[in-house]
Amino acid sequence: MMQADESPRVEVVEWAMAEQPIRNIRATVFIHEQAVPEDLEWDGLDPRCAHVLAWNDAGEAVGTARMQANGTIGRMAVLKDWRGRGVGRALLHALLDLATKRGLPRVTLSAQTHALGFYERAGFNVIGELFMDAGIPHRKMVKDLIAP
């Protein structure tokens, strides 16, 4: 069990090496919980993305997210029992660190509307109008990065 002051271990992983735990988490969260169609979830972009995985103390993968080469962050998913415990924040920070190291001037994402506050607290700003993706309301968000 993670303690309140304990941070999950997050690492940047290669799709080829971590495909199974990534698929398990995203299938649980997006396909089963949120009813996202499988053909929308598995968009073929994963082999070309940077991925991060969060692990608990027992060595179980509990969260994942990805970033495309252009700085588009997406597929942020945390297993239900681990939400509200800093896992999403740790995943997002790992991707922001990676984007900064890669010299990207900004990152973007499409946030489910219930998660707007989470991303705003991380410095993202809403741009554009509300839109539907897989039947779920989203807003596009952007964050400008400062060079290292």
N, C-alpha and C. Protein backbone atom coordinates (compact mmCIF):
# COMPACT_ATOMS: atom_id res chain seq x y z
N MET A 1 0.84 -1.19 0.00
CA MET A 1 0.00 0.00 0.00
C MET A 1 0.89 1.25 0.00
N MET A 2 0.57 2.19 -0.86
CA MET A 2 1.33 3.43 -0.90
C MET A 2 0.91 4.31 0.28
N GLN A 3 1.89 4.87 0.94
CA GLN A 3 1.61 5.81 2.02
C GLN A 3 1.38 7.19 1.42
N ALA A 4 0.78 8.07 2.18
CA ALA A 4 0.43 9.40 1.69
C ALA A 4 1.67 10.17 1.22
N ASP A 5 2.81 9.97 1.88
CA ASP A 5 4.01 10.72 1.53
C ASP A 5 4.89 9.99 0.54
N GLU A 6 4.45 8.85 0.06
CA GLU A 6 5.25 8.03 -0.82
C GLU A 6 4.89 8.33 -2.27
N SER A 7 5.90 8.46 -3.13
CA SER A 7 5.65 8.71 -4.54
C SER A 7 5.79 7.41 -5.31
N PRO A 8 4.97 7.23 -6.33
CA PRO A 8 5.13 6.04 -7.16
C PRO A 8 6.45 6.13 -7.93
N ARG A 9 6.99 4.98 -8.28
CA ARG A 9 8.20 4.94 -9.10
C ARG A 9 7.74 5.02 -10.55
N VAL A 10 8.23 6.04 -11.26
CA VAL A 10 7.84 6.25 -12.66
C VAL A 10 9.09 6.15 -13.51
N GLU A 11 8.97 5.45 -14.62
CA GLU A 11 10.10 5.37 -15.54
C GLU A 11 9.63 5.50 -16.98
N VAL A 12 10.54 6.05 -17.80
CA VAL A 12 10.31 6.11 -19.23
C VAL A 12 10.62 4.72 -19.76
N VAL A 13 9.71 4.16 -20.55
CA VAL A 13 9.85 2.80 -21.06
C VAL A 13 9.65 2.77 -22.57
N GLU A 14 10.20 1.75 -23.20
CA GLU A 14 9.99 1.52 -24.63
C GLU A 14 8.75 0.67 -24.80
N TRP A 15 7.93 1.00 -25.80
CA TRP A 15 6.72 0.23 -26.10
C TRP A 15 7.04 -1.25 -26.27
N ALA A 16 8.10 -1.56 -27.00
CA ALA A 16 8.44 -2.96 -27.28
C ALA A 16 8.71 -3.76 -26.01
N MET A 17 9.23 -3.09 -24.98
CA MET A 17 9.57 -3.77 -23.73
C MET A 17 8.42 -3.76 -22.72
N ALA A 18 7.52 -2.80 -22.83
CA ALA A 18 6.49 -2.62 -21.80
C ALA A 18 5.08 -2.67 -22.37
N GLU A 19 4.92 -3.23 -23.56
CA GLU A 19 3.60 -3.22 -24.21
C GLU A 19 2.53 -3.89 -23.35
N GLN A 20 2.84 -5.03 -22.72
CA GLN A 20 1.79 -5.75 -22.00
C GLN A 20 1.23 -4.98 -20.81
N PRO A 21 2.08 -4.46 -19.89
CA PRO A 21 1.49 -3.69 -18.78
C PRO A 21 0.78 -2.42 -19.25
N ILE A 22 1.28 -1.78 -20.29
CA ILE A 22 0.62 -0.59 -20.83
C ILE A 22 -0.76 -0.97 -21.37
N ARG A 23 -0.81 -2.04 -22.16
CA ARG A 23 -2.09 -2.50 -22.72
C ARG A 23 -3.08 -2.88 -21.62
N ASN A 24 -2.59 -3.56 -20.57
CA ASN A 24 -3.47 -3.97 -19.48
C ASN A 24 -4.13 -2.77 -18.80
N ILE A 25 -3.33 -1.75 -18.49
CA ILE A 25 -3.85 -0.56 -17.79
C ILE A 25 -4.84 0.19 -18.70
N ARG A 26 -4.46 0.43 -19.94
CA ARG A 26 -5.33 1.19 -20.84
C ARG A 26 -6.61 0.43 -21.17
N ALA A 27 -6.54 -0.88 -21.31
CA ALA A 27 -7.75 -1.67 -21.57
C ALA A 27 -8.69 -1.57 -20.37
N THR A 28 -8.13 -1.66 -19.16
CA THR A 28 -8.95 -1.57 -17.96
C THR A 28 -9.64 -0.20 -17.86
N VAL A 29 -8.86 0.87 -18.01
CA VAL A 29 -9.39 2.22 -17.80
C VAL A 29 -10.24 2.69 -18.98
N PHE A 30 -9.71 2.61 -20.18
CA PHE A 30 -10.41 3.20 -21.32
C PHE A 30 -11.47 2.27 -21.92
N ILE A 31 -11.10 1.04 -22.21
CA ILE A 31 -12.03 0.15 -22.91
C ILE A 31 -13.12 -0.37 -21.96
N HIS A 32 -12.73 -0.82 -20.77
CA HIS A 32 -13.71 -1.41 -19.86
C HIS A 32 -14.46 -0.35 -19.04
N GLU A 33 -13.74 0.59 -18.38
CA GLU A 33 -14.42 1.58 -17.55
C GLU A 33 -15.14 2.64 -18.36
N GLN A 34 -14.48 3.15 -19.41
CA GLN A 34 -15.02 4.30 -20.13
C GLN A 34 -15.67 3.93 -21.46
N ALA A 35 -15.66 2.66 -21.81
CA ALA A 35 -16.31 2.16 -23.03
C ALA A 35 -15.76 2.77 -24.31
N VAL A 36 -14.46 3.06 -24.32
CA VAL A 36 -13.81 3.52 -25.55
C VAL A 36 -13.67 2.32 -26.48
N PRO A 37 -14.10 2.44 -27.74
CA PRO A 37 -13.94 1.31 -28.67
C PRO A 37 -12.46 0.93 -28.85
N GLU A 38 -12.21 -0.37 -28.91
CA GLU A 38 -10.82 -0.85 -29.02
C GLU A 38 -10.10 -0.25 -30.22
N ASP A 39 -10.79 -0.11 -31.36
CA ASP A 39 -10.11 0.41 -32.55
C ASP A 39 -9.72 1.87 -32.40
N LEU A 40 -10.39 2.61 -31.51
CA LEU A 40 -9.97 3.99 -31.23
C LEU A 40 -8.81 4.01 -30.24
N GLU A 41 -8.84 3.11 -29.26
CA GLU A 41 -7.77 3.07 -28.26
C GLU A 41 -6.44 2.67 -28.89
N TRP A 42 -6.45 1.64 -29.71
CA TRP A 42 -5.21 1.13 -30.31
C TRP A 42 -5.05 1.75 -31.70
N ASP A 43 -4.52 2.98 -31.70
CA ASP A 43 -4.46 3.83 -32.89
C ASP A 43 -3.22 3.63 -33.74
N GLY A 44 -2.33 2.71 -33.35
CA GLY A 44 -1.13 2.45 -34.13
C GLY A 44 0.02 3.39 -33.87
N LEU A 45 -0.17 4.41 -33.02
CA LEU A 45 0.89 5.39 -32.75
C LEU A 45 1.87 4.94 -31.66
N ASP A 46 1.49 3.94 -30.86
CA ASP A 46 2.30 3.59 -29.69
C ASP A 46 3.77 3.29 -29.97
N PRO A 47 4.10 2.54 -31.03
CA PRO A 47 5.53 2.25 -31.24
C PRO A 47 6.39 3.49 -31.46
N ARG A 48 5.76 4.60 -31.87
CA ARG A 48 6.52 5.84 -32.15
C ARG A 48 6.45 6.84 -31.00
N CYS A 49 5.81 6.46 -29.89
CA CYS A 49 5.66 7.37 -28.75
C CYS A 49 6.63 7.03 -27.63
N ALA A 50 6.91 8.03 -26.80
CA ALA A 50 7.59 7.79 -25.52
C ALA A 50 6.51 7.42 -24.51
N HIS A 51 6.78 6.41 -23.70
CA HIS A 51 5.80 5.95 -22.71
C HIS A 51 6.40 6.06 -21.32
N VAL A 52 5.54 6.29 -20.33
CA VAL A 52 5.94 6.23 -18.93
C VAL A 52 5.02 5.25 -18.22
N LEU A 53 5.59 4.54 -17.26
CA LEU A 53 4.83 3.60 -16.43
C LEU A 53 5.08 3.94 -14.97
N ALA A 54 4.04 3.85 -14.16
CA ALA A 54 4.16 4.04 -12.70
C ALA A 54 4.00 2.67 -12.05
N TRP A 55 4.85 2.40 -11.07
CA TRP A 55 4.86 1.12 -10.37
C TRP A 55 4.62 1.35 -8.89
N ASN A 56 3.88 0.44 -8.26
CA ASN A 56 3.73 0.50 -6.80
C ASN A 56 4.87 -0.28 -6.14
N ASP A 57 4.88 -0.30 -4.82
CA ASP A 57 5.97 -0.98 -4.09
C ASP A 57 6.02 -2.48 -4.35
N ALA A 58 4.89 -3.05 -4.75
CA ALA A 58 4.83 -4.49 -5.03
C ALA A 58 5.31 -4.81 -6.45
N GLY A 59 5.72 -3.77 -7.19
CA GLY A 59 6.20 -3.99 -8.54
C GLY A 59 5.11 -4.14 -9.58
N GLU A 60 3.89 -3.69 -9.24
CA GLU A 60 2.77 -3.77 -10.17
C GLU A 60 2.63 -2.43 -10.89
N ALA A 61 2.42 -2.49 -12.22
CA ALA A 61 2.20 -1.28 -12.99
C ALA A 61 0.80 -0.76 -12.67
N VAL A 62 0.70 0.52 -12.27
CA VAL A 62 -0.58 1.09 -11.84
C VAL A 62 -1.01 2.30 -12.66
N GLY A 63 -0.15 2.78 -13.55
CA GLY A 63 -0.50 3.93 -14.37
C GLY A 63 0.42 4.06 -15.56
N THR A 64 -0.07 4.72 -16.60
CA THR A 64 0.73 4.91 -17.81
C THR A 64 0.28 6.17 -18.54
N ALA A 65 1.15 6.67 -19.39
CA ALA A 65 0.84 7.80 -20.27
C ALA A 65 1.86 7.76 -21.40
N ARG A 66 1.56 8.52 -22.47
CA ARG A 66 2.49 8.55 -23.60
C ARG A 66 2.62 9.97 -24.14
N MET A 67 3.69 10.18 -24.93
CA MET A 67 3.91 11.46 -25.59
C MET A 67 4.43 11.21 -26.99
N GLN A 68 3.78 11.85 -27.95
CA GLN A 68 4.25 11.78 -29.33
C GLN A 68 5.46 12.69 -29.50
N ALA A 69 6.21 12.49 -30.57
CA ALA A 69 7.42 13.27 -30.81
C ALA A 69 7.13 14.77 -30.89
N ASN A 70 5.91 15.15 -31.29
CA ASN A 70 5.56 16.57 -31.41
C ASN A 70 5.13 17.19 -30.07
N GLY A 71 5.19 16.41 -28.99
CA GLY A 71 4.83 16.95 -27.68
C GLY A 71 3.36 16.75 -27.31
N THR A 72 2.63 15.94 -28.06
CA THR A 72 1.24 15.65 -27.71
C THR A 72 1.20 14.55 -26.67
N ILE A 73 0.72 14.89 -25.49
CA ILE A 73 0.59 13.94 -24.38
C ILE A 73 -0.79 13.30 -24.45
N GLY A 74 -0.85 12.02 -24.16
CA GLY A 74 -2.14 11.35 -24.20
C GLY A 74 -2.13 10.01 -23.52
N ARG A 75 -3.28 9.35 -23.56
CA ARG A 75 -3.45 8.01 -23.02
C ARG A 75 -3.01 7.91 -21.56
N MET A 76 -3.28 9.00 -20.81
CA MET A 76 -3.00 9.01 -19.37
C MET A 76 -4.04 8.15 -18.68
N ALA A 77 -3.59 7.09 -18.03
CA ALA A 77 -4.51 6.15 -17.39
C ALA A 77 -3.92 5.67 -16.08
N VAL A 78 -4.73 5.74 -15.01
CA VAL A 78 -4.33 5.25 -13.69
C VAL A 78 -5.42 4.29 -13.21
N LEU A 79 -4.99 3.13 -12.74
CA LEU A 79 -5.96 2.16 -12.24
C LEU A 79 -6.77 2.75 -11.08
N LYS A 80 -8.04 2.42 -11.01
CA LYS A 80 -8.99 3.05 -10.09
C LYS A 80 -8.48 3.11 -8.64
N ASP A 81 -7.92 2.01 -8.13
CA ASP A 81 -7.46 1.98 -6.74
C ASP A 81 -6.30 2.93 -6.46
N TRP A 82 -5.67 3.45 -7.50
CA TRP A 82 -4.49 4.30 -7.35
C TRP A 82 -4.75 5.75 -7.68
N ARG A 83 -5.98 6.09 -8.06
CA ARG A 83 -6.30 7.48 -8.38
C ARG A 83 -6.34 8.32 -7.11
N GLY A 84 -5.97 9.59 -7.26
CA GLY A 84 -5.97 10.49 -6.12
C GLY A 84 -4.79 10.29 -5.19
N ARG A 85 -3.77 9.56 -5.65
CA ARG A 85 -2.62 9.24 -4.81
C ARG A 85 -1.30 9.71 -5.42
N GLY A 86 -1.39 10.64 -6.37
CA GLY A 86 -0.18 11.23 -6.94
C GLY A 86 0.39 10.50 -8.14
N VAL A 87 -0.25 9.42 -8.57
CA VAL A 87 0.28 8.65 -9.70
C VAL A 87 0.19 9.47 -10.99
N GLY A 88 -0.97 10.04 -11.28
CA GLY A 88 -1.13 10.85 -12.48
C GLY A 88 -0.18 12.03 -12.52
N ARG A 89 -0.04 12.68 -11.38
CA ARG A 89 0.89 13.83 -11.29
C ARG A 89 2.32 13.38 -11.59
N ALA A 90 2.72 12.23 -11.05
CA ALA A 90 4.08 11.73 -11.29
C ALA A 90 4.28 11.35 -12.76
N LEU A 91 3.27 10.74 -13.38
CA LEU A 91 3.36 10.41 -14.81
C LEU A 91 3.50 11.67 -15.64
N LEU A 92 2.66 12.67 -15.35
CA LEU A 92 2.68 13.92 -16.11
C LEU A 92 4.03 14.62 -15.95
N HIS A 93 4.55 14.67 -14.74
CA HIS A 93 5.84 15.34 -14.51
C HIS A 93 6.96 14.63 -15.26
N ALA A 94 6.91 13.31 -15.32
CA ALA A 94 7.94 12.56 -16.06
C ALA A 94 7.90 12.93 -17.54
N LEU A 95 6.70 13.05 -18.11
CA LEU A 95 6.60 13.42 -19.52
C LEU A 95 7.00 14.88 -19.74
N LEU A 96 6.66 15.77 -18.81
CA LEU A 96 7.08 17.17 -18.94
C LEU A 96 8.60 17.29 -18.86
N ASP A 97 9.23 16.52 -17.98
CA ASP A 97 10.69 16.51 -17.89
C ASP A 97 11.30 16.02 -19.20
N LEU A 98 10.72 14.97 -19.76
CA LEU A 98 11.22 14.42 -21.01
C LEU A 98 11.06 15.44 -22.14
N ALA A 99 9.92 16.11 -22.21
CA ALA A 99 9.69 17.12 -23.25
C ALA A 99 10.70 18.25 -23.13
N THR A 100 10.99 18.68 -21.90
CA THR A 100 11.96 19.75 -21.67
C THR A 100 13.35 19.30 -22.12
N LYS A 101 13.74 18.06 -21.75
CA LYS A 101 15.06 17.53 -22.16
C LYS A 101 15.17 17.44 -23.67
N ARG A 102 14.06 17.19 -24.34
CA ARG A 102 14.06 17.09 -25.80
C ARG A 102 14.00 18.46 -26.47
N GLY A 103 13.88 19.52 -25.66
CA GLY A 103 13.87 20.87 -26.20
C GLY A 103 12.56 21.28 -26.85
N LEU A 104 11.48 20.62 -26.49
CA LEU A 104 10.18 20.99 -27.06
C LEU A 104 9.72 22.31 -26.46
N PRO A 105 9.23 23.24 -27.29
CA PRO A 105 8.80 24.54 -26.76
C PRO A 105 7.48 24.48 -26.00
N ARG A 106 6.63 23.47 -26.33
CA ARG A 106 5.34 23.36 -25.66
C ARG A 106 4.85 21.93 -25.79
N VAL A 107 3.92 21.59 -24.91
CA VAL A 107 3.22 20.31 -24.99
C VAL A 107 1.73 20.59 -25.06
N THR A 108 1.01 19.66 -25.69
CA THR A 108 -0.43 19.79 -25.80
C THR A 108 -1.06 18.47 -25.37
N LEU A 109 -2.34 18.53 -25.08
CA LEU A 109 -3.09 17.32 -24.78
C LEU A 109 -4.57 17.61 -24.95
N SER A 110 -5.33 16.53 -25.05
CA SER A 110 -6.79 16.61 -25.07
C SER A 110 -7.27 16.02 -23.76
N ALA A 111 -7.80 16.88 -22.89
CA ALA A 111 -8.21 16.45 -21.55
C ALA A 111 -9.69 16.15 -21.50
N GLN A 112 -10.03 15.03 -20.85
CA GLN A 112 -11.43 14.80 -20.53
C GLN A 112 -11.84 15.93 -19.60
N THR A 113 -13.06 16.45 -19.77
CA THR A 113 -13.44 17.65 -19.03
C THR A 113 -13.38 17.47 -17.51
N HIS A 114 -13.63 16.28 -17.01
CA HIS A 114 -13.55 16.07 -15.55
C HIS A 114 -12.12 16.23 -15.04
N ALA A 115 -11.12 16.17 -15.94
CA ALA A 115 -9.71 16.25 -15.53
C ALA A 115 -9.09 17.62 -15.78
N LEU A 116 -9.88 18.60 -16.21
CA LEU A 116 -9.32 19.92 -16.53
C LEU A 116 -8.57 20.52 -15.34
N GLY A 117 -9.14 20.44 -14.15
CA GLY A 117 -8.49 21.01 -12.96
C GLY A 117 -7.14 20.37 -12.68
N PHE A 118 -7.05 19.07 -12.87
CA PHE A 118 -5.78 18.35 -12.68
C PHE A 118 -4.70 18.95 -13.58
N TYR A 119 -5.01 19.14 -14.86
CA TYR A 119 -4.02 19.67 -15.79
C TYR A 119 -3.77 21.16 -15.56
N GLU A 120 -4.81 21.91 -15.18
CA GLU A 120 -4.60 23.33 -14.87
C GLU A 120 -3.64 23.49 -13.70
N ARG A 121 -3.73 22.63 -12.69
CA ARG A 121 -2.81 22.70 -11.55
C ARG A 121 -1.37 22.41 -11.98
N ALA A 122 -1.20 21.72 -13.11
CA ALA A 122 0.14 21.42 -13.63
C ALA A 122 0.60 22.49 -14.62
N GLY A 123 -0.17 23.57 -14.76
CA GLY A 123 0.24 24.68 -15.59
C GLY A 123 -0.30 24.68 -17.01
N PHE A 124 -1.23 23.80 -17.32
CA PHE A 124 -1.84 23.77 -18.65
C PHE A 124 -2.97 24.79 -18.73
N ASN A 125 -3.19 25.30 -19.94
CA ASN A 125 -4.29 26.24 -20.20
C ASN A 125 -5.21 25.67 -21.27
N VAL A 126 -6.51 25.86 -21.09
CA VAL A 126 -7.50 25.41 -22.05
C VAL A 126 -7.43 26.30 -23.29
N ILE A 127 -7.47 25.66 -24.47
CA ILE A 127 -7.59 26.39 -25.74
C ILE A 127 -8.67 25.70 -26.55
N GLY A 128 -9.39 26.45 -27.33
CA GLY A 128 -10.38 25.84 -28.22
C GLY A 128 -11.66 25.45 -27.51
N GLU A 129 -12.57 24.94 -28.31
CA GLU A 129 -13.92 24.61 -27.85
C GLU A 129 -14.01 23.18 -27.35
N LEU A 130 -15.08 22.90 -26.65
CA LEU A 130 -15.40 21.55 -26.21
C LEU A 130 -15.59 20.66 -27.44
N PHE A 131 -15.06 19.42 -27.39
CA PHE A 131 -15.28 18.46 -28.48
C PHE A 131 -15.44 17.07 -27.89
N MET A 132 -16.06 16.20 -28.68
CA MET A 132 -16.28 14.83 -28.23
C MET A 132 -15.22 13.92 -28.85
N ASP A 133 -14.70 13.02 -28.04
CA ASP A 133 -13.76 11.99 -28.51
C ASP A 133 -14.19 10.69 -27.85
N ALA A 134 -14.51 9.69 -28.65
CA ALA A 134 -15.00 8.39 -28.16
C ALA A 134 -16.21 8.58 -27.24
N GLY A 135 -17.03 9.59 -27.57
CA GLY A 135 -18.24 9.84 -26.79
C GLY A 135 -18.00 10.53 -25.47
N ILE A 136 -16.77 11.01 -25.24
CA ILE A 136 -16.40 11.65 -23.97
C ILE A 136 -16.03 13.11 -24.25
N PRO A 137 -16.60 14.08 -23.50
CA PRO A 137 -16.27 15.49 -23.73
C PRO A 137 -14.82 15.80 -23.35
N HIS A 138 -14.14 16.54 -24.23
CA HIS A 138 -12.73 16.91 -24.07
C HIS A 138 -12.54 18.39 -24.36
N ARG A 139 -11.42 18.92 -23.88
CA ARG A 139 -10.93 20.25 -24.26
C ARG A 139 -9.44 20.11 -24.56
N LYS A 140 -9.00 20.84 -25.57
CA LYS A 140 -7.57 20.87 -25.89
C LYS A 140 -6.88 21.79 -24.86
N MET A 141 -5.67 21.39 -24.44
CA MET A 141 -4.90 22.18 -23.47
C MET A 141 -3.46 22.29 -23.94
N VAL A 142 -2.79 23.35 -23.51
CA VAL A 142 -1.41 23.58 -23.90
C VAL A 142 -0.62 24.09 -22.70
N LYS A 143 0.67 23.76 -22.71
CA LYS A 143 1.59 24.27 -21.68
C LYS A 143 2.89 24.65 -22.38
N ASP A 144 3.31 25.90 -22.20
CA ASP A 144 4.60 26.32 -22.74
C ASP A 144 5.69 25.88 -21.78
N LEU A 145 6.79 25.40 -22.35
CA LEU A 145 7.91 24.91 -21.54
C LEU A 145 9.05 25.90 -21.58
N ILE A 146 9.83 25.90 -20.51
CA ILE A 146 11.03 26.72 -20.44
C ILE A 146 12.20 25.82 -20.75
N ALA A 147 13.09 26.28 -21.61
CA ALA A 147 14.24 25.47 -21.99
C ALA A 147 15.07 25.14 -20.74
N PRO A 148 15.74 23.97 -20.73
CA PRO A 148 16.53 23.57 -19.55
C PRO A 148 17.70 24.50 -19.31
